Amino acid sequence: MLRFWHKIANFGQNFKLRMIDTSIFQDKTAVFYTLGCKLNFAETSTLGQLLAEQGIRKARAGEQADICVINTCSVTELADKKCRQAIRRIARKHPHAFMVVTGCYAQLKPQDIADMPEVDLVLGAEQKLEILKYLPSLDKREHGEVVVTPHKDIRRFGASCSRGDRTRYFLKVQDGCDYYCTYCTIPLARGRSRSGTVAQMVEQARAVAAAGGKEIVITGVNIGDFGKHTDENFFDLIRALDEVEGIERYRISSIEPELLTDEMIDFVAQSKRFCPHFHIPLQSGSDEVLKLMRRHYDTALFAHKVEKIKTAMPDAFIGVDVIAGMRGETPELFEQAYRFIASLDVSQLHVFTYSERPNTRALAIEPVVDVHERHERCNKLIELSDVKLREFYKTYQGCERTVLFEQPAKGMPMHGFTDNYIRVEMPYNREAINKVCRVRLGEMNEAGDALLAYNID
């Protein structure tokens, strides 16, 4: 029988945490596996740092690990399936390891995961970054233990700023969401909207600069909601971060269109450090479907934001999230949405096939789009995205841009991104790693996913 241990600090219930003998961690090894968004990757990296501080190092290739930590996603039914497959695959590679599963899937379906014989411990959203509190031993367990706070009671913000294996750092400024869009389970998986303070985020950015970091991606679930409960706002945050010496670049990750104010756009256009790069979720180009989704804007507002960005920053890269096959999306509404999206001056689409999620209001919407038709629509939007991205890249062939180059894999060419998010490739140059270099952009590489760059510094 599963053992549930709920710790709900904000409701005054005092549960004594188990005392940990940290000596059990010395010389132990761990592997980490992440599915899903940039926020998950940032949090996984922080988990690795927390364990490393107790003497737990990352297992080398081919080495048997003592602990496995899997940070899961649950944005679609396919994501759930991939999580289960990852748990089984990693358990086969590390059969004697203590298996910890956390993340959105763990928060939404903890009992399903704990029932898997490979799993020893399931941690919810509020417990994720306090993993050490829940490891009294590393002995394999007959039944998976669950430590999950109900989503309505999640209150704490867990700070996370980490680099992972890339040159860029990911600064988590906000978590959770209060929107409850009809198709989405994120509020159930991440809890209510909450954030750190401007002062805390500036302190973390300064720490990144002191560590030699050059670029920070500002991440969260609904980052435009930053400061909702602290009398601050996202505009306060980006203005303060822009003053941090040593950071050369910031990128704003996904931000809701109605929360991206014209004032913010104008600020980014003239800022010292913010890149001309935006990622804005649209989800549908049909006003009727947007209403079914209970989104907070219409196509007119979205079109205005795109036009405002391109007027203030003609070179800006704009990425857009779109869902294909939402319940209620008739063929006529899809064609309407497609035409609207095609008309936008955006650079790339991130296309998702609609997936029924338990406990969402969309399940009551009719008609239901056939699964095959959903995939057909998805493919059509992906083809449109490919055209837009190629056109965007082609515009800058022969131009000069600045690129922050990343550490390449052994024997591989270097890659990096321009300020306006064009992926570039260059022969290995040790001196260019983690440096912002001015390059001339050339033809497309053989893989067709980057422009060749010629160093002119």
Protein backbone atom coordinates (compact mmCIF):
# COMPACT_ATOMS: atom_id res chain seq x y z
CA MET A 1 0.00 0.00 0.00
CA LEU A 2 1.33 3.42 -0.94
CA ARG A 3 2.50 5.73 1.82
CA PHE A 4 1.51 9.35 1.34
CA TRP A 5 3.38 12.01 3.30
CA HIS A 6 2.02 15.49 2.69
CA LYS A 7 3.83 18.53 3.96
CA ILE A 8 1.72 21.68 3.65
CA ALA A 9 3.75 24.39 5.36
CA ASN A 10 1.42 27.32 4.67
CA PHE A 11 -1.49 25.74 6.45
CA GLY A 12 0.34 25.51 9.78
CA GLN A 13 0.70 21.76 9.80
CA ASN A 14 4.06 20.86 11.29
CA PHE A 15 5.49 17.58 10.05
CA LYS A 16 8.89 16.69 11.44
CA LEU A 17 11.32 16.08 8.61
CA ARG A 18 13.42 12.99 8.89
CA MET A 19 17.00 13.52 10.03
CA ILE A 20 19.51 12.68 7.33
CA ASP A 21 22.92 11.14 7.80
CA THR A 22 24.68 12.89 4.91
CA SER A 23 27.64 10.54 5.23
CA ILE A 24 25.61 8.02 3.21
CA PHE A 25 26.07 10.28 0.18
CA GLN A 26 29.86 10.34 0.16
CA ASP A 27 31.39 8.84 -2.98
CA LYS A 28 27.95 8.07 -4.40
CA THR A 29 27.09 8.65 -8.04
CA ALA A 30 23.95 9.90 -9.75
CA VAL A 31 22.44 10.19 -13.19
CA PHE A 32 19.84 12.78 -14.19
CA TYR A 33 17.29 12.65 -16.98
CA THR A 34 15.03 15.54 -17.97
CA LEU A 35 11.96 15.67 -20.17
CA GLY A 36 10.09 18.80 -21.19
CA CYS A 37 10.72 22.50 -20.98
CA LYS A 38 13.72 24.74 -20.29
CA LEU A 39 12.41 25.28 -16.78
CA ASN A 40 12.70 21.54 -16.10
CA PHE A 41 16.28 21.52 -17.39
CA ALA A 42 17.17 24.45 -15.13
CA GLU A 43 15.67 22.69 -12.12
CA THR A 44 17.42 19.41 -12.91
CA SER A 45 20.75 21.20 -13.04
CA THR A 46 20.01 22.71 -9.64
CA LEU A 47 19.19 19.25 -8.30
CA GLY A 48 22.58 18.09 -9.54
CA GLN A 49 24.27 20.96 -7.73
CA LEU A 50 22.42 20.17 -4.49
CA LEU A 51 23.52 16.53 -4.61
CA ALA A 52 27.07 17.48 -5.58
CA GLU A 53 27.32 19.64 -2.44
CA GLN A 54 26.76 16.44 -0.42
CA GLY A 55 29.50 14.51 -2.23
CA ILE A 56 27.32 12.90 -4.91
CA ARG A 57 28.99 13.18 -8.29
CA LYS A 58 27.54 12.55 -11.74
CA ALA A 59 28.13 9.00 -12.95
CA ARG A 60 30.54 8.64 -15.83
CA ALA A 61 29.55 7.02 -19.11
CA GLY A 62 29.06 3.29 -18.56
CA GLU A 63 29.28 3.61 -14.77
CA GLN A 64 26.55 2.20 -12.54
CA ALA A 65 24.80 4.99 -10.61
CA ASP A 66 23.63 4.86 -7.00
CA ILE A 67 20.85 7.40 -7.56
CA CYS A 68 18.70 8.12 -10.61
CA VAL A 69 16.68 11.36 -10.75
CA ILE A 70 14.09 11.73 -13.51
CA ASN A 71 12.41 15.12 -13.97
CA THR A 72 9.21 14.52 -15.93
CA CYS A 73 6.87 16.38 -18.26
CA SER A 74 3.13 15.89 -18.77
CA VAL A 75 2.19 18.40 -21.44
CA THR A 76 0.65 15.65 -23.63
CA GLU A 77 -0.29 11.98 -23.41
CA LEU A 78 2.82 11.26 -25.48
CA ALA A 79 4.94 13.05 -22.86
CA ASP A 80 3.49 10.77 -20.16
CA LYS A 81 4.37 7.73 -22.26
CA LYS A 82 7.93 8.98 -22.81
CA CYS A 83 8.31 9.45 -19.05
CA ARG A 84 7.31 5.86 -18.32
CA GLN A 85 9.63 4.61 -21.05
CA ALA A 86 12.50 6.68 -19.64
CA ILE A 87 11.96 5.31 -16.13
CA ARG A 88 12.10 1.71 -17.38
CA ARG A 89 15.06 2.35 -19.70
CA ILE A 90 17.15 4.05 -17.03
CA ALA A 91 16.26 1.39 -14.46
CA ARG A 92 17.56 -1.28 -16.83
CA LYS A 93 20.86 0.60 -17.16
CA HIS A 94 21.13 1.14 -13.40
CA PRO A 95 19.23 -1.77 -11.82
CA HIS A 96 20.48 -1.20 -8.27
CA ALA A 97 20.06 2.58 -8.20
CA PHE A 98 17.64 4.44 -5.94
CA MET A 99 15.05 5.84 -8.36
CA VAL A 100 13.57 9.31 -7.70
CA VAL A 101 10.88 10.66 -10.04
CA THR A 102 9.72 14.27 -9.89
CA GLY A 103 8.32 16.93 -12.22
CA CYS A 104 4.88 17.58 -13.70
CA TYR A 105 3.92 13.95 -14.39
CA ALA A 106 4.94 13.08 -10.82
CA GLN A 107 2.72 15.85 -9.44
CA LEU A 108 -0.26 14.90 -11.60
CA LYS A 109 -0.13 11.10 -11.32
CA PRO A 110 2.09 10.22 -8.35
CA GLN A 111 0.37 6.93 -7.56
CA ASP A 112 0.68 5.68 -11.13
CA ILE A 113 4.42 6.32 -11.01
CA ALA A 114 4.87 4.89 -7.51
CA ASP A 115 3.14 1.68 -8.68
CA MET A 116 5.99 1.13 -11.14
CA PRO A 117 8.33 -1.46 -9.55
CA GLU A 118 11.40 0.54 -10.64
CA VAL A 119 10.45 3.63 -8.60
CA ASP A 120 11.45 4.23 -4.97
CA LEU A 121 10.40 7.84 -4.37
CA VAL A 122 8.00 10.29 -6.04
CA LEU A 123 8.42 13.99 -5.24
CA GLY A 124 5.88 16.68 -6.09
CA ALA A 125 6.45 20.20 -7.35
CA GLU A 126 7.00 21.72 -3.91
CA GLN A 127 9.39 18.99 -2.78
CA LYS A 128 11.52 18.82 -5.94
CA LEU A 129 14.26 21.23 -4.87
CA GLU A 130 14.29 19.83 -1.33
CA ILE A 131 15.24 16.36 -2.48
CA LEU A 132 17.82 15.82 0.26
CA LYS A 133 15.13 16.01 2.95
CA TYR A 134 13.48 12.92 1.55
CA LEU A 135 16.51 10.65 1.29
CA PRO A 136 16.99 9.06 4.74
CA SER A 137 18.67 6.14 3.03
CA LEU A 138 19.38 4.89 -0.45
CA ASP A 139 17.95 1.42 0.16
CA LYS A 140 15.64 0.12 -2.55
CA ARG A 141 12.00 0.07 -1.42
CA GLU A 142 9.34 -2.55 -1.86
CA HIS A 143 6.76 0.17 -2.58
CA GLY A 144 7.33 3.61 -3.99
CA GLU A 145 6.87 6.42 -1.46
CA VAL A 146 4.96 9.53 -2.47
CA VAL A 147 5.62 13.02 -1.11
CA VAL A 148 3.29 15.43 -2.89
CA THR A 149 1.54 18.64 -1.85
CA PRO A 150 -1.91 19.15 -3.45
CA HIS A 151 -1.60 21.73 -6.22
CA LYS A 152 -3.94 24.24 -4.55
CA ASP A 153 -1.67 24.32 -1.50
CA ILE A 154 1.64 24.86 -3.30
CA ARG A 155 2.97 28.21 -2.13
CA ARG A 156 6.76 28.16 -1.99
CA PHE A 157 8.94 29.42 -4.81
CA GLY A 158 12.03 27.30 -5.38
CA ALA A 159 14.88 29.38 -6.74
CA SER A 160 16.89 27.92 -9.61
CA CYS A 161 19.65 29.38 -11.74
CA SER A 162 21.86 26.98 -13.57
CA ARG A 163 23.92 26.44 -16.65
CA GLY A 164 23.67 22.71 -17.17
CA ASP A 165 25.86 21.59 -20.07
CA ARG A 166 25.51 24.79 -22.10
CA THR A 167 27.10 28.21 -22.10
CA ARG A 168 23.79 29.91 -21.42
CA TYR A 169 22.38 30.12 -17.90
CA PHE A 170 18.69 29.64 -17.13
CA LEU A 171 17.26 31.90 -14.42
CA LYS A 172 13.95 30.74 -13.00
CA VAL A 173 12.06 33.87 -11.95
CA GLN A 174 8.51 32.51 -11.62
CA ASP A 175 6.61 29.24 -11.22
CA GLY A 176 3.02 28.08 -11.45
CA CYS A 177 0.03 29.52 -13.33
CA ASP A 178 -3.38 30.93 -12.42
CA TYR A 179 -4.84 30.91 -15.93
CA TYR A 180 -6.52 27.47 -16.18
CA CYS A 181 -6.75 27.36 -19.98
CA THR A 182 -9.20 24.63 -20.93
CA TYR A 183 -6.62 22.34 -22.58
CA CYS A 184 -3.83 22.69 -20.02
CA THR A 185 -2.80 20.85 -16.84
CA ILE A 186 0.10 23.12 -15.88
CA PRO A 187 -1.79 24.78 -12.98
CA LEU A 188 -2.49 21.28 -11.63
CA ALA A 189 1.14 20.24 -12.11
CA ARG A 190 2.92 23.41 -10.98
CA GLY A 191 0.47 25.06 -8.60
CA ARG A 192 -0.42 28.70 -8.30
CA SER A 193 1.61 31.56 -9.72
CA ARG A 194 4.47 32.64 -7.47
CA SER A 195 7.86 34.22 -7.95
CA GLY A 196 11.01 35.50 -6.34
CA THR A 197 11.78 39.17 -5.84
CA VAL A 198 13.69 41.55 -8.08
CA ALA A 199 16.48 41.75 -5.51
CA GLN A 200 16.82 37.95 -5.39
CA MET A 201 16.94 37.66 -9.17
CA VAL A 202 19.52 40.43 -9.48
CA GLU A 203 21.66 38.69 -6.87
CA GLN A 204 21.54 35.47 -8.88
CA ALA A 205 22.41 37.31 -12.09
CA ARG A 206 25.42 38.85 -10.37
CA ALA A 207 26.50 35.38 -9.27
CA VAL A 208 26.29 34.21 -12.89
CA ALA A 209 28.46 37.13 -13.98
CA ALA A 210 30.98 36.33 -11.25
CA ALA A 211 31.13 32.73 -12.51
CA GLY A 212 31.91 33.94 -16.04
CA GLY A 213 28.44 33.54 -17.50
CA LYS A 214 27.67 35.72 -20.49
CA GLU A 215 24.02 34.95 -21.30
CA ILE A 216 20.94 34.37 -19.15
CA VAL A 217 17.59 33.03 -20.37
CA ILE A 218 14.76 34.23 -18.13
CA THR A 219 12.46 31.27 -17.54
CA GLY A 220 9.27 30.38 -15.72
CA VAL A 221 5.79 29.04 -16.37
CA ASN A 222 4.13 32.43 -16.84
CA ILE A 223 6.98 34.92 -16.46
CA GLY A 224 4.84 37.95 -17.30
CA ASP A 225 3.07 37.24 -13.99
CA PHE A 226 6.29 37.94 -12.08
CA GLY A 227 5.80 39.91 -8.86
CA LYS A 228 2.06 39.30 -8.66
CA HIS A 229 2.23 39.00 -4.88
CA THR A 230 5.24 41.23 -4.14
CA ASP A 231 4.13 44.63 -5.50
CA GLU A 232 6.70 44.27 -8.29
CA ASN A 233 6.30 43.38 -11.96
CA PHE A 234 8.17 41.89 -14.88
CA PHE A 235 9.09 45.30 -16.25
CA ASP A 236 10.74 46.15 -12.90
CA LEU A 237 12.70 42.91 -13.20
CA ILE A 238 14.08 43.36 -16.71
CA ARG A 239 15.08 46.96 -16.02
CA ALA A 240 17.00 45.85 -12.93
CA LEU A 241 18.67 42.92 -14.70
CA ASP A 242 19.77 45.19 -17.53
CA GLU A 243 22.00 47.02 -15.05
CA VAL A 244 23.94 43.93 -13.91
CA GLU A 245 27.53 44.32 -15.06
CA GLY A 246 29.21 41.32 -16.65
CA ILE A 247 26.13 39.81 -18.30
CA GLU A 248 26.24 40.50 -22.02
CA ARG A 249 22.91 38.99 -23.05
CA TYR A 250 19.45 38.24 -21.72
CA ARG A 251 16.71 36.37 -23.54
CA ILE A 252 13.06 36.44 -22.51
CA SER A 253 11.55 32.98 -22.79
CA SER A 254 7.86 32.39 -23.45
CA ILE A 255 5.70 35.33 -22.34
CA GLU A 256 1.94 35.71 -22.75
CA PRO A 257 1.06 38.30 -25.42
CA GLU A 258 -1.25 40.33 -23.16
CA LEU A 259 1.49 40.53 -20.52
CA LEU A 260 4.14 41.67 -23.01
CA THR A 261 3.45 45.39 -22.89
CA ASP A 262 4.43 47.90 -25.55
CA GLU A 263 6.52 49.58 -22.86
CA MET A 264 8.54 46.37 -22.41
CA ILE A 265 9.05 46.03 -26.15
CA ASP A 266 10.34 49.60 -26.40
CA PHE A 267 12.66 48.94 -23.47
CA VAL A 268 14.15 45.79 -25.02
CA ALA A 269 14.68 47.69 -28.28
CA GLN A 270 16.95 50.24 -26.58
CA SER A 271 18.35 48.13 -23.73
CA LYS A 272 22.02 47.40 -23.22
CA ARG A 273 21.75 43.64 -22.85
CA PHE A 274 18.37 42.24 -23.92
CA CYS A 275 18.40 40.36 -27.23
CA PRO A 276 15.91 41.01 -30.06
CA HIS A 277 14.32 37.62 -29.46
CA PHE A 278 10.79 36.85 -28.29
CA HIS A 279 8.78 33.68 -27.82
CA ILE A 280 5.04 34.31 -27.62
CA PRO A 281 2.34 31.62 -27.28
CA LEU A 282 -0.49 32.10 -29.78
CA GLN A 283 -2.02 28.57 -29.59
CA SER A 284 -4.61 29.33 -32.29
CA GLY A 285 -5.07 31.88 -35.04
CA SER A 286 -8.86 31.65 -34.71
CA ASP A 287 -10.67 33.94 -32.28
CA GLU A 288 -13.41 31.36 -31.82
CA VAL A 289 -10.89 28.67 -30.85
CA LEU A 290 -9.08 31.11 -28.55
CA LYS A 291 -12.38 31.61 -26.72
CA LEU A 292 -12.80 27.83 -26.40
CA MET A 293 -9.29 27.68 -24.98
CA ARG A 294 -10.11 30.55 -22.56
CA ARG A 295 -7.06 32.47 -23.64
CA HIS A 296 -6.70 36.09 -22.51
CA TYR A 297 -6.33 37.84 -25.87
CA ASP A 298 -7.57 37.78 -29.46
CA THR A 299 -5.82 37.66 -32.83
CA ALA A 300 -5.94 41.45 -33.18
CA LEU A 301 -3.91 41.92 -30.00
CA PHE A 302 -1.44 39.23 -31.05
CA ALA A 303 -0.97 40.79 -34.49
CA HIS A 304 -0.37 44.16 -32.83
CA LYS A 305 2.37 42.69 -30.62
CA VAL A 306 4.15 41.15 -33.61
CA GLU A 307 3.89 44.40 -35.57
CA LYS A 308 5.11 46.40 -32.56
CA ILE A 309 8.17 44.14 -32.11
CA LYS A 310 9.11 44.22 -35.80
CA THR A 311 8.69 48.00 -35.96
CA ALA A 312 10.88 48.55 -32.89
CA MET A 313 13.33 45.75 -33.80
CA PRO A 314 13.19 44.76 -37.49
CA ASP A 315 15.84 42.08 -36.89
CA ALA A 316 13.92 40.41 -34.05
CA PHE A 317 13.37 36.66 -34.00
CA ILE A 318 9.81 35.79 -32.97
CA GLY A 319 8.93 32.21 -32.05
CA VAL A 320 5.26 31.25 -31.68
CA ASP A 321 3.55 28.31 -29.95
CA VAL A 322 0.59 26.79 -31.82
CA ILE A 323 -1.73 23.87 -30.98
CA ALA A 324 -3.20 21.83 -33.85
CA GLY A 325 -6.46 19.92 -33.56
CA MET A 326 -7.96 21.47 -30.43
CA ARG A 327 -11.47 20.24 -29.66
CA GLY A 328 -13.92 22.52 -31.41
CA GLU A 329 -11.46 23.40 -34.18
CA THR A 330 -13.55 22.70 -37.26
CA PRO A 331 -11.86 22.49 -40.69
CA GLU A 332 -13.07 26.02 -41.42
CA LEU A 333 -11.62 27.38 -38.17
CA PHE A 334 -8.31 25.65 -38.81
CA GLU A 335 -8.04 27.18 -42.28
CA GLN A 336 -8.86 30.57 -40.77
CA ALA A 337 -6.14 30.04 -38.16
CA TYR A 338 -3.64 28.89 -40.77
CA ARG A 339 -4.18 31.97 -42.91
CA PHE A 340 -3.74 34.25 -39.91
CA ILE A 341 -0.51 32.54 -38.83
CA ALA A 342 0.85 32.60 -42.38
CA SER A 343 0.24 36.35 -42.49
CA LEU A 344 2.33 37.02 -39.37
CA ASP A 345 5.91 38.24 -39.67
CA VAL A 346 7.23 35.57 -37.30
CA SER A 347 10.35 33.43 -37.57
CA GLN A 348 9.37 29.96 -36.35
CA LEU A 349 6.41 27.95 -35.05
CA HIS A 350 6.58 25.49 -32.19
CA VAL A 351 3.70 23.19 -33.11
CA PHE A 352 1.96 20.83 -30.69
CA THR A 353 -0.72 18.28 -31.51
CA TYR A 354 -3.68 18.65 -29.16
CA SER A 355 -3.84 15.87 -26.60
CA GLU A 356 -6.73 15.15 -24.23
CA ARG A 357 -5.57 15.70 -20.66
CA PRO A 358 -7.49 14.43 -17.61
CA ASN A 359 -9.33 16.99 -15.47
CA THR A 360 -9.33 19.70 -18.15
CA ARG A 361 -12.44 21.61 -19.28
CA ALA A 362 -11.65 20.99 -22.93
CA LEU A 363 -12.95 17.43 -22.55
CA ALA A 364 -16.49 18.83 -22.68
CA ILE A 365 -15.93 20.68 -25.98
CA GLU A 366 -17.39 19.36 -29.24
CA PRO A 367 -16.67 18.43 -31.98
CA VAL A 368 -13.65 16.22 -31.42
CA VAL A 369 -11.00 16.38 -34.14
CA ASP A 370 -9.95 12.97 -35.44
CA VAL A 371 -6.44 12.05 -34.30
CA HIS A 372 -5.25 11.50 -37.87
CA GLU A 373 -6.60 14.93 -38.83
CA ARG A 374 -4.82 16.50 -35.86
CA HIS A 375 -1.51 15.15 -37.15
CA GLU A 376 -2.28 16.34 -40.69
CA ARG A 377 -2.87 19.84 -39.38
CA CYS A 378 0.25 19.65 -37.27
CA ASN A 379 2.35 18.66 -40.29
CA LYS A 380 0.90 21.51 -42.33
CA LEU A 381 1.90 24.00 -39.65
CA ILE A 382 5.36 22.48 -39.34
CA GLU A 383 5.84 22.92 -43.09
CA LEU A 384 4.80 26.56 -42.73
CA SER A 385 7.30 26.96 -39.89
CA ASP A 386 10.11 25.51 -42.02
CA VAL A 387 9.36 28.02 -44.76
CA LYS A 388 9.32 30.94 -42.34
CA LEU A 389 12.57 29.88 -40.66
CA ARG A 390 14.40 29.41 -43.96
CA GLU A 391 13.22 32.83 -45.12
CA PHE A 392 14.38 34.41 -41.87
CA TYR A 393 17.81 32.77 -42.11
CA LYS A 394 18.16 33.68 -45.78
CA THR A 395 17.61 37.35 -44.94
CA TYR A 396 20.83 37.41 -42.90
CA GLN A 397 23.19 35.53 -45.20
CA GLY A 398 26.12 37.82 -45.85
CA CYS A 399 25.36 39.96 -42.80
CA GLU A 400 27.45 40.46 -39.68
CA ARG A 401 26.04 39.48 -36.26
CA THR A 402 27.35 38.71 -32.79
CA VAL A 403 27.38 35.06 -31.66
CA LEU A 404 27.95 33.44 -28.27
CA PHE A 405 29.71 30.15 -29.01
CA GLU A 406 29.15 27.06 -26.87
CA GLN A 407 31.53 24.26 -25.91
CA PRO A 408 31.23 21.68 -28.71
CA ALA A 409 31.25 17.92 -28.36
CA LYS A 410 34.65 16.38 -29.02
CA GLY A 411 35.48 16.36 -32.73
CA MET A 412 32.42 18.42 -33.65
CA PRO A 413 32.20 21.95 -35.09
CA MET A 414 31.25 24.84 -32.86
CA HIS A 415 27.70 26.12 -32.59
CA GLY A 416 26.18 29.21 -31.13
CA PHE A 417 23.36 31.70 -31.59
CA THR A 418 23.31 35.21 -32.89
CA ASP A 419 21.67 37.90 -30.80
CA ASN A 420 18.53 37.36 -32.91
CA TYR A 421 18.64 33.59 -32.42
CA ILE A 422 20.07 32.33 -35.69
CA ARG A 423 21.92 29.08 -35.09
CA VAL A 424 25.40 29.22 -36.58
CA GLU A 425 28.21 26.74 -37.14
CA MET A 426 31.96 27.37 -37.27
CA PRO A 427 35.10 25.21 -37.26
CA TYR A 428 36.43 24.56 -33.77
CA ASN A 429 38.21 27.50 -32.18
CA ARG A 430 39.07 27.04 -28.53
CA GLU A 431 39.49 30.78 -28.02
CA ALA A 432 35.88 31.46 -29.04
CA ILE A 433 34.19 29.28 -26.38
CA ASN A 434 31.90 31.34 -24.12
CA LYS A 435 32.81 34.52 -25.95
CA VAL A 436 30.60 36.88 -27.90
CA CYS A 437 32.23 37.13 -31.34
CA ARG A 438 31.31 39.13 -34.41
CA VAL A 439 30.93 36.87 -37.43
CA ARG A 440 29.81 37.02 -41.04
CA LEU A 441 26.93 34.66 -41.81
CA GLY A 442 27.27 32.46 -44.88
CA GLU A 443 25.40 29.62 -46.52
CA MET A 444 23.38 26.90 -44.80
CA ASN A 445 25.34 23.99 -43.33
CA GLU A 446 24.97 20.41 -44.61
CA ALA A 447 22.45 19.49 -41.93
CA GLY A 448 20.28 22.44 -42.92
CA ASP A 449 19.89 23.63 -39.32
CA ALA A 450 22.45 26.45 -39.09
CA LEU A 451 24.26 29.09 -41.12
CA LEU A 452 28.00 28.79 -41.54
CA ALA A 453 29.83 31.56 -39.72
CA TYR A 454 33.14 33.20 -40.55
CA ASN A 455 34.96 34.81 -37.65
CA ILE A 456 35.91 38.42 -38.41
CA ASP A 457 37.02 39.52 -34.92
